[in-house]
Amino acid sequence: MNMASKVITVGVGVPMIVVGALMAWLWAPMESYFQNQIELIGSTIGILGIVFFISGLFYSKEPVMH
């Protein structure tokens, strides 16, 4: 794993997953009026974090030629 992919995976993907999970599981149940919106935004941030995490694992600077 090169440095750029580690930065994408650890620096972007993991924090987005953590923030999304905290929003969906901890903050949303405390809100009564905006609960559905907070769950939606939190889960969307978490899903995007997973996408960034996976793309960081497969990132390479050199194009793959077949």
Protein backbone atom coordinates (compact mmCIF):
# COMPACT_ATOMS: atom_id res chain seq x y z
CA MET A 1 0.00 0.00 0.00
CA ASN A 2 1.57 3.28 -1.04
CA MET A 3 1.35 6.52 0.90
CA ALA A 4 -1.49 8.12 -1.10
CA SER A 5 -3.80 5.15 -0.66
CA LYS A 6 -3.05 5.03 3.08
CA VAL A 7 -3.97 8.73 3.36
CA ILE A 8 -7.25 8.12 1.52
CA THR A 9 -8.10 5.04 3.56
CA VAL A 10 -7.10 6.23 7.04
CA GLY A 11 -7.50 9.99 6.63
CA VAL A 12 -10.84 10.11 4.83
CA GLY A 13 -12.58 6.73 4.91
CA VAL A 14 -12.27 5.81 8.57
CA PRO A 15 -13.32 9.23 9.98
CA MET A 16 -16.36 9.32 7.67
CA ILE A 17 -17.41 5.84 8.81
CA VAL A 18 -17.01 6.84 12.47
CA VAL A 19 -18.88 10.15 12.11
CA GLY A 20 -21.69 8.50 10.15
CA ALA A 21 -22.09 5.74 12.72
CA LEU A 22 -22.09 8.20 15.62
CA MET A 23 -24.72 10.34 13.91
CA ALA A 24 -26.98 7.41 13.05
CA TRP A 25 -26.68 5.52 16.35
CA LEU A 26 -26.07 8.13 19.05
CA TRP A 27 -27.31 11.53 17.90
CA ALA A 28 -30.45 10.49 15.97
CA PRO A 29 -32.23 8.72 18.88
CA MET A 30 -31.80 11.85 21.04
CA GLU A 31 -33.57 14.03 18.47
CA SER A 32 -37.31 13.64 18.12
CA TYR A 33 -38.13 16.11 15.35
CA PHE A 34 -35.19 15.54 12.95
CA GLN A 35 -34.51 11.87 13.77
CA ASN A 36 -35.16 10.51 10.27
CA GLN A 37 -33.09 13.20 8.57
CA ILE A 38 -30.14 12.69 10.94
CA GLU A 39 -30.27 8.91 10.42
CA LEU A 40 -30.33 9.42 6.64
CA ILE A 41 -27.40 11.85 6.64
CA GLY A 42 -25.41 9.72 9.10
CA SER A 43 -25.90 6.54 7.12
CA THR A 44 -25.06 8.36 3.86
CA ILE A 45 -21.82 9.68 5.36
CA GLY A 46 -21.01 6.16 6.60
CA ILE A 47 -21.67 4.60 3.19
CA LEU A 48 -19.51 7.23 1.47
CA GLY A 49 -16.79 6.53 4.05
CA ILE A 50 -16.91 2.84 3.13
CA VAL A 51 -16.62 3.78 -0.56
CA PHE A 52 -13.58 5.99 0.16
CA PHE A 53 -12.07 3.24 2.33
CA ILE A 54 -12.42 0.61 -0.40
CA SER A 55 -11.23 2.96 -3.15
CA GLY A 56 -8.20 3.84 -1.02
CA LEU A 57 -7.33 0.15 -0.84
CA PHE A 58 -7.35 -0.16 -4.64
CA TYR A 59 -5.77 3.21 -5.49
CA SER A 60 -2.53 3.24 -7.46
CA LYS A 61 -0.78 6.10 -9.24
CA GLU A 62 0.17 3.98 -12.23
CA PRO A 63 -2.67 3.13 -14.63
CA VAL A 64 -3.30 -0.59 -14.90
CA MET A 65 -2.81 -1.75 -18.49
CA HIS A 66 -4.33 -5.04 -19.59
